[in-house]
Amino acid sequence: MDSKKQKNIPRHIAIIMDGNNRWAKKRFLPGVAGHKAGADAVRAVIRGCVDQRVEVLTLFAFSSENWQRPQKEVNALMDLFLVSLRREVRKLHKYDIRLRIIGDKSGFSDDIQQAIDEAETLTENNRGLQLNIAANYGGRWDIVHTAQQLAHQVAEGLLKPEDITEQLFNQTISLGDLPAPDLCIRTAGEQRISNYLLWQFAYSEFYYSPLLWPDFKEKALAEAIDDFAGRQRRFGKTSEQIEGKADA
């Protein structure tokens, strides 16, 4: 039997990476040190997903609300984002990983937008892990943006209002061409969605880790996957139906 099916590995894992600042404060370091340490955790989790044969990994890197943080921290995050895009993309390409950035990319500087375009173009034909980075992203923005796209098609006569179904909406929204997230992991002991993938999380399982993000590495990922593997996903059905014990 295929080991992936036997262990019930999630096809798509989404992660809310929380705790970088707290990690730095515990060590009397500036906040940017926590974000740099968090980048090491990103590399570890990517390796873990590749080893576990996860198909899609989506990371919440920068929300549309994060612009409200102190300007010094925002500037440091933007610098780190640009450096990571330029430095890490060659490694991703080497290991056949495809990179996609989701969110309102128009909010970034021209340098960052160019780096995003170059990174996505370089890796677009790769067939390994699909890595999505949510940057300047918000779940409400995603839903509104999708509604606007479909409304434009109605205005242009390409669609009728009654043509807009859940299926069409799902195909149009961010990540609509990929499997929906099976598992959402949030670190640092927080238990909220924070405006992340609101539409896409309709039937996702949630796992909350007490670890601060920089401390979340391959072992912690494996524990989250093992926890997921022990759950029964019913999608509105009964346990008996899922187990094939109910009458037709």
C-alpha atoms as a PDB file:
ATOM      1  CA  MET A   1       0.000   0.000   0.000  1.00  0.00           C
ATOM      2  CA  ASP A   2       1.204   3.527  -0.723  1.00  0.00           C
ATOM      3  CA  SER A   3       2.772   4.769   2.539  1.00  0.00           C
ATOM      4  CA  LYS A   4       1.333   8.264   2.025  1.00  0.00           C
ATOM      5  CA  LYS A   5      -2.219   6.901   1.818  1.00  0.00           C
ATOM      6  CA  GLN A   6      -1.568   4.511   4.702  1.00  0.00           C
ATOM      7  CA  LYS A   7      -0.426   7.319   7.016  1.00  0.00           C
ATOM      8  CA  ASN A   8      -3.004   9.813   5.724  1.00  0.00           C
ATOM      9  CA  ILE A   9      -0.534  12.593   4.949  1.00  0.00           C
ATOM     10  CA  PRO A  10      -2.225  15.970   4.301  1.00  0.00           C
ATOM     11  CA  ARG A  11      -1.885  17.009   0.674  1.00  0.00           C
ATOM     12  CA  HIS A  12      -1.894  20.707   1.575  1.00  0.00           C
ATOM     13  CA  ILE A  13      -0.594  22.252   4.792  1.00  0.00           C
ATOM     14  CA  ALA A  14      -1.132  25.934   5.597  1.00  0.00           C
ATOM     15  CA  ILE A  15       0.824  27.540   8.431  1.00  0.00           C
ATOM     16  CA  ILE A  16       0.350  30.728  10.446  1.00  0.00           C
ATOM     17  CA  MET A  17       3.915  31.455  11.541  1.00  0.00           C
ATOM     18  CA  ASP A  18       3.518  33.178  14.897  1.00  0.00           C
ATOM     19  CA  GLY A  19       5.980  34.025  17.660  1.00  0.00           C
ATOM     20  CA  ASN A  20       9.036  35.564  15.999  1.00  0.00           C
ATOM     21  CA  ASN A  21       8.928  38.716  18.124  1.00  0.00           C
ATOM     22  CA  ARG A  22       8.336  36.783  21.352  1.00  0.00           C
ATOM     23  CA  TRP A  23      11.242  34.479  20.507  1.00  0.00           C
ATOM     24  CA  ALA A  24      13.513  37.512  20.112  1.00  0.00           C
ATOM     25  CA  LYS A  25      12.274  39.239  23.280  1.00  0.00           C
ATOM     26  CA  LYS A  26      12.960  36.115  25.366  1.00  0.00           C
ATOM     27  CA  ARG A  27      16.575  36.404  24.208  1.00  0.00           C
ATOM     28  CA  PHE A  28      16.779  40.190  24.627  1.00  0.00           C
ATOM     29  CA  LEU A  29      17.252  40.546  20.875  1.00  0.00           C
ATOM     30  CA  PRO A  30      15.650  43.002  18.419  1.00  0.00           C
ATOM     31  CA  GLY A  31      12.515  41.820  16.649  1.00  0.00           C
ATOM     32  CA  VAL A  32      14.280  41.419  13.305  1.00  0.00           C
ATOM     33  CA  ALA A  33      16.454  38.708  14.880  1.00  0.00           C
ATOM     34  CA  GLY A  34      13.297  36.708  15.503  1.00  0.00           C
ATOM     35  CA  HIS A  35      12.222  37.080  11.893  1.00  0.00           C
ATOM     36  CA  LYS A  36      15.652  35.941  10.689  1.00  0.00           C
ATOM     37  CA  ALA A  37      15.438  32.920  12.988  1.00  0.00           C
ATOM     38  CA  GLY A  38      11.958  32.317  11.622  1.00  0.00           C
ATOM     39  CA  ALA A  39      13.456  32.069   8.134  1.00  0.00           C
ATOM     40  CA  ASP A  40      15.504  29.080   9.362  1.00  0.00           C
ATOM     41  CA  ALA A  41      12.271  27.446  10.531  1.00  0.00           C
ATOM     42  CA  VAL A  42      10.782  28.015   7.075  1.00  0.00           C
ATOM     43  CA  ARG A  43      13.683  26.111   5.512  1.00  0.00           C
ATOM     44  CA  ALA A  44      13.263  23.286   8.023  1.00  0.00           C
ATOM     45  CA  VAL A  45       9.525  22.979   7.404  1.00  0.00           C
ATOM     46  CA  ILE A  46      10.049  22.971   3.632  1.00  0.00           C
ATOM     47  CA  ARG A  47      12.517  20.100   4.064  1.00  0.00           C
ATOM     48  CA  GLY A  48      10.040  18.312   6.296  1.00  0.00           C
ATOM     49  CA  CYS A  49       7.216  18.682   3.778  1.00  0.00           C
ATOM     50  CA  VAL A  50       9.425  17.336   0.994  1.00  0.00           C
ATOM     51  CA  ASP A  51      10.451  14.356   3.165  1.00  0.00           C
ATOM     52  CA  GLN A  52       6.832  13.658   4.139  1.00  0.00           C
ATOM     53  CA  ARG A  53       5.671  14.000   0.515  1.00  0.00           C
ATOM     54  CA  VAL A  54       3.288  16.871   1.211  1.00  0.00           C
ATOM     55  CA  GLU A  55       2.187  18.343  -2.122  1.00  0.00           C
ATOM     56  CA  VAL A  56       1.416  21.956  -1.154  1.00  0.00           C
ATOM     57  CA  LEU A  57       2.707  24.233   1.619  1.00  0.00           C
ATOM     58  CA  THR A  58       1.221  27.701   2.143  1.00  0.00           C
ATOM     59  CA  LEU A  59       2.892  30.070   4.610  1.00  0.00           C
ATOM     60  CA  PHE A  60       1.362  33.261   6.032  1.00  0.00           C
ATOM     61  CA  ALA A  61       4.333  35.625   5.891  1.00  0.00           C
ATOM     62  CA  PHE A  62       2.822  39.119   5.984  1.00  0.00           C
ATOM     63  CA  SER A  63      -0.814  40.045   6.421  1.00  0.00           C
ATOM     64  CA  SER A  64      -2.528  43.115   5.043  1.00  0.00           C
ATOM     65  CA  GLU A  65      -2.890  44.220   8.672  1.00  0.00           C
ATOM     66  CA  ASN A  66       0.860  43.957   9.354  1.00  0.00           C
ATOM     67  CA  TRP A  67       1.443  47.337   7.696  1.00  0.00           C
ATOM     68  CA  GLN A  68       0.170  48.780  10.990  1.00  0.00           C
ATOM     69  CA  ARG A  69       3.256  47.545  12.847  1.00  0.00           C
ATOM     70  CA  PRO A  70       6.066  49.983  13.761  1.00  0.00           C
ATOM     71  CA  GLN A  71       7.640  51.370  10.582  1.00  0.00           C
ATOM     72  CA  LYS A  72      11.090  50.142  11.577  1.00  0.00           C
ATOM     73  CA  GLU A  73       9.817  46.559  11.835  1.00  0.00           C
ATOM     74  CA  VAL A  74       7.893  46.816   8.554  1.00  0.00           C
ATOM     75  CA  ASN A  75      11.018  48.092   6.790  1.00  0.00           C
ATOM     76  CA  ALA A  76      13.070  45.244   8.242  1.00  0.00           C
ATOM     77  CA  LEU A  77      10.463  42.709   7.117  1.00  0.00           C
ATOM     78  CA  MET A  78      10.434  44.120   3.595  1.00  0.00           C
ATOM     79  CA  ASP A  79      14.244  43.995   3.441  1.00  0.00           C
ATOM     80  CA  LEU A  80      14.212  40.392   4.674  1.00  0.00           C
ATOM     81  CA  PHE A  81      11.502  39.469   2.163  1.00  0.00           C
ATOM     82  CA  LEU A  82      13.511  40.911  -0.724  1.00  0.00           C
ATOM     83  CA  VAL A  83      16.755  39.254   0.364  1.00  0.00           C
ATOM     84  CA  SER A  84      14.998  35.911   0.856  1.00  0.00           C
ATOM     85  CA  LEU A  85      13.388  36.090  -2.573  1.00  0.00           C
ATOM     86  CA  ARG A  86      16.718  36.706  -4.253  1.00  0.00           C
ATOM     87  CA  ARG A  87      18.793  34.335  -2.134  1.00  0.00           C
ATOM     88  CA  GLU A  88      16.476  31.366  -1.626  1.00  0.00           C
ATOM     89  CA  VAL A  89      14.851  31.025  -5.043  1.00  0.00           C
ATOM     90  CA  ARG A  90      17.896  29.286  -6.565  1.00  0.00           C
ATOM     91  CA  LYS A  91      17.769  26.677  -3.825  1.00  0.00           C
ATOM     92  CA  LEU A  92      14.050  26.185  -4.360  1.00  0.00           C
ATOM     93  CA  HIS A  93      14.625  25.775  -8.082  1.00  0.00           C
ATOM     94  CA  LYS A  94      17.440  23.278  -7.477  1.00  0.00           C
ATOM     95  CA  TYR A  95      15.053  21.068  -5.508  1.00  0.00           C
ATOM     96  CA  ASP A  96      12.243  21.344  -8.082  1.00  0.00           C
ATOM     97  CA  ILE A  97      10.056  23.500  -5.795  1.00  0.00           C
ATOM     98  CA  ARG A  98       7.588  25.869  -7.409  1.00  0.00           C
ATOM     99  CA  LEU A  99       7.071  29.248  -5.722  1.00  0.00           C
ATOM    100  CA  ARG A 100       3.933  31.375  -5.830  1.00  0.00           C
ATOM    101  CA  ILE A 101       3.182  34.594  -3.956  1.00  0.00           C
ATOM    102  CA  ILE A 102      -0.480  35.247  -3.150  1.00  0.00           C
ATOM    103  CA  GLY A 103      -1.879  38.561  -1.947  1.00  0.00           C
ATOM    104  CA  ASP A 104      -2.055  42.149  -3.174  1.00  0.00           C
ATOM    105  CA  LYS A 105       1.405  42.400  -4.725  1.00  0.00           C
ATOM    106  CA  SER A 106       0.733  45.967  -5.873  1.00  0.00           C
ATOM    107  CA  GLY A 107       1.362  47.104  -2.293  1.00  0.00           C
ATOM    108  CA  PHE A 108       5.048  46.204  -2.493  1.00  0.00           C
ATOM    109  CA  SER A 109       7.948  48.244  -3.831  1.00  0.00           C
ATOM    110  CA  ASP A 110       8.975  47.897  -7.473  1.00  0.00           C
ATOM    111  CA  ASP A 111      12.091  45.951  -6.413  1.00  0.00           C
ATOM    112  CA  ILE A 112      10.036  43.405  -4.501  1.00  0.00           C
ATOM    113  CA  GLN A 113       7.469  43.069  -7.297  1.00  0.00           C
ATOM    114  CA  GLN A 114      10.278  42.452  -9.786  1.00  0.00           C
ATOM    115  CA  ALA A 115      11.887  39.860  -7.495  1.00  0.00           C
ATOM    116  CA  ILE A 116       8.518  38.115  -7.133  1.00  0.00           C
ATOM    117  CA  ASP A 117       8.049  37.991 -10.912  1.00  0.00           C
ATOM    118  CA  GLU A 118      11.561  36.622 -11.432  1.00  0.00           C
ATOM    119  CA  ALA A 119      11.176  33.977  -8.716  1.00  0.00           C
ATOM    120  CA  GLU A 120       7.797  32.794  -9.967  1.00  0.00           C
ATOM    121  CA  THR A 121       9.030  32.688 -13.568  1.00  0.00           C
ATOM    122  CA  LEU A 122      12.182  30.738 -12.674  1.00  0.00           C
ATOM    123  CA  THR A 123      10.252  28.034 -10.803  1.00  0.00           C
ATOM    124  CA  GLU A 124       6.968  27.942 -12.741  1.00  0.00           C
ATOM    125  CA  ASN A 125       7.689  24.621 -14.486  1.00  0.00           C
ATOM    126  CA  ASN A 126       8.921  22.792 -11.383  1.00  0.00           C
ATOM    127  CA  ARG A 127       6.948  19.741 -10.326  1.00  0.00           C
ATOM    128  CA  GLY A 128       7.987  19.150  -6.732  1.00  0.00           C
ATOM    129  CA  LEU A 129       6.511  20.837  -3.669  1.00  0.00           C
ATOM    130  CA  GLN A 130       4.202  23.768  -4.450  1.00  0.00           C
ATOM    131  CA  LEU A 131       5.257  26.521  -2.040  1.00  0.00           C
ATOM    132  CA  ASN A 132       2.875  29.451  -1.625  1.00  0.00           C
ATOM    133  CA  ILE A 133       3.796  32.557   0.358  1.00  0.00           C
ATOM    134  CA  ALA A 134       0.885  34.747   1.475  1.00  0.00           C
ATOM    135  CA  ALA A 135       2.249  38.300   1.555  1.00  0.00           C
ATOM    136  CA  ASN A 136       0.169  41.464   1.900  1.00  0.00           C
ATOM    137  CA  TYR A 137      -2.632  38.942   2.084  1.00  0.00           C
ATOM    138  CA  GLY A 138      -5.971  38.960   3.888  1.00  0.00           C
ATOM    139  CA  GLY A 139      -8.791  36.459   3.613  1.00  0.00           C
ATOM    140  CA  ARG A 140     -11.419  39.192   3.304  1.00  0.00           C
ATOM    141  CA  TRP A 141      -9.357  40.913   0.599  1.00  0.00           C
ATOM    142  CA  ASP A 142      -9.154  37.589  -1.241  1.00  0.00           C
ATOM    143  CA  ILE A 143     -12.936  37.117  -1.194  1.00  0.00           C
ATOM    144  CA  VAL A 144     -13.657  40.716  -2.219  1.00  0.00           C
ATOM    145  CA  HIS A 145     -11.023  40.605  -4.973  1.00  0.00           C
ATOM    146  CA  THR A 146     -12.553  37.407  -6.335  1.00  0.00           C
ATOM    147  CA  ALA A 147     -16.047  38.930  -6.255  1.00  0.00           C
ATOM    148  CA  GLN A 148     -14.724  41.951  -8.151  1.00  0.00           C
ATOM    149  CA  GLN A 149     -13.140  39.747 -10.814  1.00  0.00           C
ATOM    150  CA  LEU A 150     -16.414  37.909 -11.370  1.00  0.00           C
ATOM    151  CA  ALA A 151     -18.405  41.164 -11.306  1.00  0.00           C
ATOM    152  CA  HIS A 152     -16.220  42.540 -14.104  1.00  0.00           C
ATOM    153  CA  GLN A 153     -16.987  39.446 -16.170  1.00  0.00           C
ATOM    154  CA  VAL A 154     -20.716  39.967 -15.579  1.00  0.00           C
ATOM    155  CA  ALA A 155     -20.407  43.633 -16.594  1.00  0.00           C
ATOM    156  CA  GLU A 156     -18.604  42.623 -19.779  1.00  0.00           C
ATOM    157  CA  GLY A 157     -21.337  40.110 -20.624  1.00  0.00           C
ATOM    158  CA  LEU A 158     -19.058  37.113 -20.199  1.00  0.00           C
ATOM    159  CA  LEU A 159     -21.072  35.765 -17.268  1.00  0.00           C
ATOM    160  CA  LYS A 160     -24.599  35.950 -15.922  1.00  0.00           C
ATOM    161  CA  PRO A 161     -25.079  36.458 -12.176  1.00  0.00           C
ATOM    162  CA  GLU A 162     -26.638  33.013 -11.930  1.00  0.00           C
ATOM    163  CA  ASP A 163     -23.466  31.524 -13.456  1.00  0.00           C
ATOM    164  CA  ILE A 164     -21.560  32.409 -10.291  1.00  0.00           C
ATOM    165  CA  THR A 165     -21.541  29.223  -8.249  1.00  0.00           C
ATOM    166  CA  GLU A 166     -19.448  28.028  -5.318  1.00  0.00           C
ATOM    167  CA  GLN A 167     -17.427  25.991  -7.789  1.00  0.00           C
ATOM    168  CA  LEU A 168     -16.690  28.974 -10.035  1.00  0.00           C
ATOM    169  CA  PHE A 169     -15.878  31.186  -7.046  1.00  0.00           C
ATOM    170  CA  ASN A 170     -13.530  28.511  -5.733  1.00  0.00           C
ATOM    171  CA  GLN A 171     -11.797  28.251  -9.099  1.00  0.00           C
ATOM    172  CA  THR A 172     -11.265  32.026  -9.205  1.00  0.00           C
ATOM    173  CA  ILE A 173     -10.018  32.671  -5.663  1.00  0.00           C
ATOM    174  CA  SER A 174      -6.342  32.374  -4.672  1.00  0.00           C
ATOM    175  CA  LEU A 175      -5.085  28.766  -4.774  1.00  0.00           C
ATOM    176  CA  GLY A 176      -8.273  27.658  -6.527  1.00  0.00           C
ATOM    177  CA  ASP A 177      -6.262  25.405  -8.837  1.00  0.00           C
ATOM    178  CA  LEU A 178      -4.770  23.499  -5.880  1.00  0.00           C
ATOM    179  CA  PRO A 179      -6.187  21.091  -3.293  1.00  0.00           C
ATOM    180  CA  ALA A 180      -7.835  22.923  -0.411  1.00  0.00           C
ATOM    181  CA  PRO A 181      -5.763  23.061   2.793  1.00  0.00           C
ATOM    182  CA  ASP A 182      -6.207  19.831   4.724  1.00  0.00           C
ATOM    183  CA  LEU A 183      -4.359  21.062   7.788  1.00  0.00           C
ATOM    184  CA  CYS A 184      -3.748  24.528   9.244  1.00  0.00           C
ATOM    185  CA  ILE A 185      -0.952  24.796  11.800  1.00  0.00           C
ATOM    186  CA  ARG A 186      -0.619  27.822  14.052  1.00  0.00           C
ATOM    187  CA  THR A 187       2.355  28.255  16.344  1.00  0.00           C
ATOM    188  CA  ALA A 188       3.010  30.180  19.581  1.00  0.00           C
ATOM    189  CA  GLY A 189      -0.103  28.871  21.333  1.00  0.00           C
ATOM    190  CA  GLU A 190      -2.501  31.250  19.574  1.00  0.00           C
ATOM    191  CA  GLN A 191      -5.864  29.868  18.475  1.00  0.00           C
ATOM    192  CA  ARG A 192      -7.350  32.162  15.841  1.00  0.00           C
ATOM    193  CA  ILE A 193      -7.414  32.399  12.039  1.00  0.00           C
ATOM    194  CA  SER A 194      -6.255  36.044  11.771  1.00  0.00           C
ATOM    195  CA  ASN A 195      -7.973  36.676   8.432  1.00  0.00           C
ATOM    196  CA  TYR A 196      -6.075  33.850   6.704  1.00  0.00           C
ATOM    197  CA  LEU A 197      -7.567  31.775   3.853  1.00  0.00           C
ATOM    198  CA  LEU A 198     -11.108  32.299   5.135  1.00  0.00           C
ATOM    199  CA  TRP A 199     -12.760  30.710   2.101  1.00  0.00           C
ATOM    200  CA  GLN A 200     -10.192  27.947   1.679  1.00  0.00           C
ATOM    201  CA  PHE A 201     -10.384  26.769   5.310  1.00  0.00           C
ATOM    202  CA  ALA A 202     -14.033  25.628   5.069  1.00  0.00           C
ATOM    203  CA  TYR A 203     -13.174  22.012   5.940  1.00  0.00           C
ATOM    204  CA  SER A 204      -9.582  22.266   7.133  1.00  0.00           C
ATOM    205  CA  GLU A 205      -8.356  20.609  10.313  1.00  0.00           C
ATOM    206  CA  PHE A 206      -6.562  22.866  12.821  1.00  0.00           C
ATOM    207  CA  TYR A 207      -3.497  22.123  14.912  1.00  0.00           C
ATOM    208  CA  TYR A 208      -2.129  24.542  17.517  1.00  0.00           C
ATOM    209  CA  SER A 209       1.484  24.276  18.635  1.00  0.00           C
ATOM    210  CA  PRO A 210       2.825  25.979  21.785  1.00  0.00           C
ATOM    211  CA  LEU A 211       6.212  26.403  20.095  1.00  0.00           C
ATOM    212  CA  LEU A 212       7.285  29.833  18.926  1.00  0.00           C
ATOM    213  CA  TRP A 213       7.792  29.790  15.159  1.00  0.00           C
ATOM    214  CA  PRO A 214      11.621  29.825  15.155  1.00  0.00           C
ATOM    215  CA  ASP A 215      11.528  26.651  17.301  1.00  0.00           C
ATOM    216  CA  PHE A 216       9.108  24.840  14.981  1.00  0.00           C
ATOM    217  CA  LYS A 217      11.252  22.456  12.940  1.00  0.00           C
ATOM    218  CA  GLU A 218      10.970  19.039  11.260  1.00  0.00           C
ATOM    219  CA  LYS A 219      10.131  17.128  14.462  1.00  0.00           C
ATOM    220  CA  ALA A 220       7.294  19.508  15.329  1.00  0.00           C
ATOM    221  CA  LEU A 221       5.948  19.262  11.786  1.00  0.00           C
ATOM    222  CA  ALA A 222       6.006  15.456  11.966  1.00  0.00           C
ATOM    223  CA  GLU A 223       4.049  15.598  15.243  1.00  0.00           C
ATOM    224  CA  ALA A 224       1.414  17.834  13.647  1.00  0.00           C
ATOM    225  CA  ILE A 225       1.101  15.465  10.694  1.00  0.00           C
ATOM    226  CA  ASP A 226       0.814  12.465  13.013  1.00  0.00           C
ATOM    227  CA  ASP A 227      -1.962  14.228  14.908  1.00  0.00           C
ATOM    228  CA  PHE A 228      -3.771  14.926  11.630  1.00  0.00           C
ATOM    229  CA  ALA A 229      -3.367  11.307  10.548  1.00  0.00           C
ATOM    230  CA  GLY A 230      -5.322  10.153  13.593  1.00  0.00           C
ATOM    231  CA  ARG A 231      -8.368  12.296  12.819  1.00  0.00           C
ATOM    232  CA  GLN A 232     -11.463  11.320  10.880  1.00  0.00           C
ATOM    233  CA  ARG A 233     -12.583  13.921   8.359  1.00  0.00           C
ATOM    234  CA  ARG A 234     -16.315  13.616   7.731  1.00  0.00           C
ATOM    235  CA  PHE A 235     -17.195  16.619   5.519  1.00  0.00           C
ATOM    236  CA  GLY A 236     -20.767  16.681   6.865  1.00  0.00           C
ATOM    237  CA  LYS A 237     -21.248  12.902   6.795  1.00  0.00           C
ATOM    238  CA  THR A 238     -21.498  10.521   9.745  1.00  0.00           C
ATOM    239  CA  SER A 239     -18.688   8.314  10.971  1.00  0.00           C
ATOM    240  CA  GLU A 240     -20.627   5.293   9.776  1.00  0.00           C
ATOM    241  CA  GLN A 241     -20.864   6.666   6.259  1.00  0.00           C
ATOM    242  CA  ILE A 242     -17.142   7.408   6.166  1.00  0.00           C
ATOM    243  CA  GLU A 243     -16.330   3.915   7.409  1.00  0.00           C
ATOM    244  CA  GLY A 244     -18.734   2.354   4.919  1.00  0.00           C
ATOM    245  CA  LYS A 245     -20.979   0.891   7.617  1.00  0.00           C
ATOM    246  CA  ALA A 246     -24.141   2.896   6.933  1.00  0.00           C
ATOM    247  CA  ASP A 247     -26.948   1.662   4.728  1.00  0.00           C
ATOM    248  CA  ALA A 248     -26.995   3.247   1.271  1.00  0.00           C
END
